[in-house]
Amino acid sequence: MKKIAAILLLAMLVFNWGGHRLLTDYLETRADAQLQSQLDKSDYSEQDLIYLKIAAPLPYGTNSETFERVDGNIVINGVNYSYVKRRFYKDSLELACIPNTIKTGIQNARDEFFKLAYDLTHAPQGAKKQGANSLAFKFLTTEYFNQDNEWHLCPFNPASECTFTDRAVGTIQCFLPVAEQPPDIA
């Protein structure tokens, strides 16, 4: 019985470390493949298509009256759209897209899982908790201590060698001789 419990706890730990990411990536890839196969078979409704028109002023652009099949994705306001077809017409690129609701749902579920698992949501106003971590974070980010550093500049003495100042910090005070005018080339 202890071995089964240990295996289950270890499996939960591995899933928490990165298994959920692998699972959601697999589900998104599978949803994309299913949608692409439906689009290749033309198994979609024309009413579901959303048309995007993008300006593309090309000097020698080709005008096409018919759409051609194309693959690709775009995300607009958090919604995934898959390209169905495109055409270059006059001075613009026209794209027909269909919403990929399955992939969007998987990504929303993944984001909600991360919020719940890693407590990324903000606590309600009445349920604020002040733990040691929040106090340490507040201390490191909002508190400022003005330190008065006593810096002393020594007067310039060209005959002096490199010496340590009388401070315990151990800064070096060193002056190098100034180079003279370069010799003339004859």
Protein backbone atom coordinates (compact mmCIF):
# COMPACT_ATOMS: atom_id res chain seq x y z
CA MET A 1 0.00 0.00 0.00
CA LYS A 2 2.88 2.38 0.80
CA LYS A 3 4.43 1.77 -2.64
CA ILE A 4 1.20 2.67 -4.41
CA ALA A 5 0.85 5.87 -2.36
CA ALA A 6 4.49 6.77 -3.06
CA ILE A 7 4.03 6.18 -6.79
CA LEU A 8 0.87 8.31 -6.84
CA LEU A 9 2.52 11.14 -4.93
CA LEU A 10 5.55 11.01 -7.21
CA ALA A 11 3.30 11.07 -10.28
CA MET A 12 1.48 14.12 -8.88
CA LEU A 13 4.80 15.85 -8.25
CA VAL A 14 6.03 15.20 -11.80
CA PHE A 15 2.70 16.37 -13.21
CA ASN A 16 2.94 19.54 -11.12
CA TRP A 17 6.51 20.22 -12.32
CA GLY A 18 5.68 20.18 -16.00
CA GLY A 19 3.21 17.48 -16.93
CA HIS A 20 0.29 19.89 -17.11
CA ARG A 21 2.22 21.95 -19.65
CA LEU A 22 2.93 18.87 -21.77
CA LEU A 23 -0.71 17.78 -21.51
CA THR A 24 -2.10 21.14 -22.63
CA ASP A 25 0.42 21.34 -25.50
CA TYR A 26 -0.63 17.88 -26.65
CA LEU A 27 -4.33 18.79 -26.47
CA GLU A 28 -3.75 22.03 -28.40
CA THR A 29 -1.79 20.21 -31.11
CA ARG A 30 -4.51 17.58 -31.42
CA ALA A 31 -7.23 20.27 -31.65
CA ASP A 32 -5.24 22.05 -34.40
CA ALA A 33 -4.83 18.80 -36.35
CA GLN A 34 -8.55 18.02 -36.10
CA LEU A 35 -9.52 21.49 -37.29
CA GLN A 36 -7.02 21.39 -40.17
CA SER A 37 -8.40 18.05 -41.33
CA GLN A 38 -11.94 19.50 -41.26
CA LEU A 39 -10.77 22.54 -43.22
CA ASP A 40 -8.99 20.36 -45.80
CA LYS A 41 -12.26 18.47 -46.36
CA SER A 42 -14.15 21.80 -46.58
CA ASP A 43 -16.25 20.66 -43.63
CA TYR A 44 -17.17 24.11 -42.29
CA SER A 45 -19.98 26.60 -42.63
CA GLU A 46 -19.47 29.78 -44.66
CA GLN A 47 -21.42 31.73 -42.01
CA ASP A 48 -18.73 30.92 -39.42
CA LEU A 49 -15.99 32.59 -41.47
CA ILE A 50 -14.63 35.96 -40.48
CA TYR A 51 -13.00 38.04 -43.20
CA LEU A 52 -9.95 40.18 -42.51
CA LYS A 53 -8.79 42.78 -45.00
CA ILE A 54 -5.17 43.92 -44.73
CA ALA A 55 -3.73 46.69 -46.86
CA ALA A 56 -0.90 45.40 -49.08
CA PRO A 57 0.00 48.07 -51.63
CA LEU A 58 2.34 46.18 -53.95
CA PRO A 59 3.42 47.86 -57.19
CA TYR A 60 3.01 44.68 -59.23
CA GLY A 61 0.53 42.78 -57.11
CA THR A 62 -1.53 39.99 -58.54
CA ASN A 63 -5.30 40.26 -58.51
CA SER A 64 -7.11 37.05 -57.82
CA GLU A 65 -10.86 36.66 -58.00
CA THR A 66 -10.86 33.29 -56.22
CA PHE A 67 -9.63 32.31 -52.79
CA GLU A 68 -6.89 29.73 -52.26
CA ARG A 69 -6.49 27.35 -49.32
CA VAL A 70 -3.89 28.45 -46.76
CA ASP A 71 -2.80 27.30 -43.29
CA GLY A 72 -1.98 29.56 -40.36
CA ASN A 73 -3.16 30.97 -37.07
CA ILE A 74 -3.82 34.39 -35.60
CA VAL A 75 -4.89 35.47 -32.11
CA ILE A 76 -7.22 38.46 -31.80
CA ASN A 77 -8.42 39.57 -28.36
CA GLY A 78 -7.56 36.19 -26.84
CA VAL A 79 -9.47 34.18 -29.46
CA ASN A 80 -7.56 31.84 -31.79
CA TYR A 81 -8.50 31.95 -35.45
CA SER A 82 -7.27 29.57 -38.15
CA TYR A 83 -6.83 30.73 -41.71
CA VAL A 84 -9.08 28.96 -44.18
CA LYS A 85 -8.40 30.77 -47.43
CA ARG A 86 -6.85 33.95 -48.82
CA ARG A 87 -6.63 36.08 -51.90
CA PHE A 88 -4.83 39.19 -53.10
CA TYR A 89 -7.41 41.55 -54.51
CA LYS A 90 -6.57 45.03 -55.75
CA ASP A 91 -4.44 46.63 -53.04
CA SER A 92 -5.22 44.32 -50.12
CA LEU A 93 -4.86 40.83 -48.74
CA GLU A 94 -8.16 39.22 -47.78
CA LEU A 95 -8.13 36.37 -45.27
CA ALA A 96 -11.04 34.14 -44.39
CA CYS A 97 -10.64 32.82 -40.82
CA ILE A 98 -12.63 30.49 -38.61
CA PRO A 99 -12.55 30.62 -34.80
CA ASN A 100 -10.72 27.71 -33.20
CA THR A 101 -12.97 27.40 -30.14
CA ILE A 102 -11.46 24.13 -28.91
CA LYS A 103 -7.92 25.54 -28.78
CA THR A 104 -9.16 28.74 -27.14
CA GLY A 105 -10.99 26.70 -24.50
CA ILE A 106 -7.88 24.63 -23.78
CA GLN A 107 -5.76 27.77 -23.39
CA ASN A 108 -8.35 29.35 -21.08
CA ALA A 109 -8.47 26.17 -18.98
CA ARG A 110 -4.66 26.15 -18.79
CA ASP A 111 -4.61 29.78 -17.65
CA GLU A 112 -7.26 29.12 -15.01
CA PHE A 113 -5.30 26.10 -13.76
CA PHE A 114 -2.17 28.23 -13.40
CA LYS A 115 -4.10 30.89 -11.51
CA LEU A 116 -5.51 28.31 -9.10
CA ALA A 117 -2.37 26.23 -8.73
CA TYR A 118 0.07 29.07 -8.24
CA ASP A 119 -2.33 31.51 -6.50
CA LEU A 120 -1.92 34.24 -9.09
CA THR A 121 -5.35 35.68 -8.40
CA HIS A 122 -5.79 38.62 -6.12
CA ALA A 123 -7.38 37.85 -2.79
CA PRO A 124 -10.68 39.57 -1.95
CA GLN A 125 -10.42 42.76 0.09
CA GLY A 126 -11.77 41.15 3.27
CA ALA A 127 -9.50 38.11 3.02
CA LYS A 128 -6.09 39.77 2.81
CA LYS A 129 -3.41 37.72 4.41
CA GLN A 130 -0.13 39.15 5.56
CA GLY A 131 2.48 36.46 5.53
CA ALA A 132 6.22 36.59 5.92
CA ASN A 133 6.72 36.50 2.15
CA SER A 134 4.49 39.51 1.49
CA LEU A 135 6.21 41.52 4.21
CA ALA A 136 9.65 40.63 2.85
CA PHE A 137 8.56 41.60 -0.66
CA LYS A 138 7.16 44.90 0.62
CA PHE A 139 10.36 45.55 2.55
CA LEU A 140 12.55 44.91 -0.49
CA THR A 141 10.50 46.91 -2.98
CA THR A 142 9.04 49.89 -1.13
CA GLU A 143 11.40 50.77 1.69
CA TYR A 144 14.30 53.09 1.02
CA PHE A 145 17.12 53.79 3.40
CA ASN A 146 19.16 56.90 2.79
CA GLN A 147 22.78 56.05 3.50
CA ASP A 148 25.14 58.89 4.18
CA ASN A 149 28.40 57.87 2.59
CA GLU A 150 31.30 60.00 3.68
CA TRP A 151 33.35 60.46 0.58
CA HIS A 152 36.50 62.52 0.87
CA LEU A 153 38.50 63.75 -2.08
CA CYS A 154 42.18 64.15 -1.45
CA PRO A 155 43.98 67.14 -2.92
CA PHE A 156 45.95 66.49 -6.07
CA ASN A 157 49.62 65.78 -5.45
CA PRO A 158 51.56 64.75 -8.59
CA ALA A 159 54.51 63.45 -6.59
CA SER A 160 52.41 60.97 -4.62
CA GLU A 161 52.49 57.29 -5.28
CA CYS A 162 49.52 54.93 -5.26
CA THR A 163 48.38 54.75 -1.66
CA PHE A 164 45.41 53.46 0.26
CA THR A 165 43.19 56.04 1.88
CA ASP A 166 42.68 56.06 5.59
CA ARG A 167 39.22 54.58 5.18
CA ALA A 168 38.70 50.90 5.98
CA VAL A 169 36.97 50.43 2.64
CA GLY A 170 40.33 50.08 0.92
CA THR A 171 39.87 52.33 -2.08
CA ILE A 172 43.00 53.07 -4.05
CA GLN A 173 44.07 56.60 -4.79
CA CYS A 174 46.46 56.69 -7.70
CA PHE A 175 47.58 59.42 -10.04
CA LEU A 176 49.41 58.67 -13.24
CA PRO A 177 51.85 61.16 -14.78
CA VAL A 178 50.52 63.21 -17.67
CA ALA A 179 52.08 62.42 -21.03
CA GLU A 180 53.99 65.21 -22.73
CA GLN A 181 53.74 66.35 -26.30
CA PRO A 182 54.78 63.62 -28.76
CA PRO A 183 58.14 63.99 -30.46
CA ASP A 184 58.35 65.50 -33.93
CA ILE A 185 58.96 63.15 -36.80
CA ALA A 186 61.93 64.29 -38.87
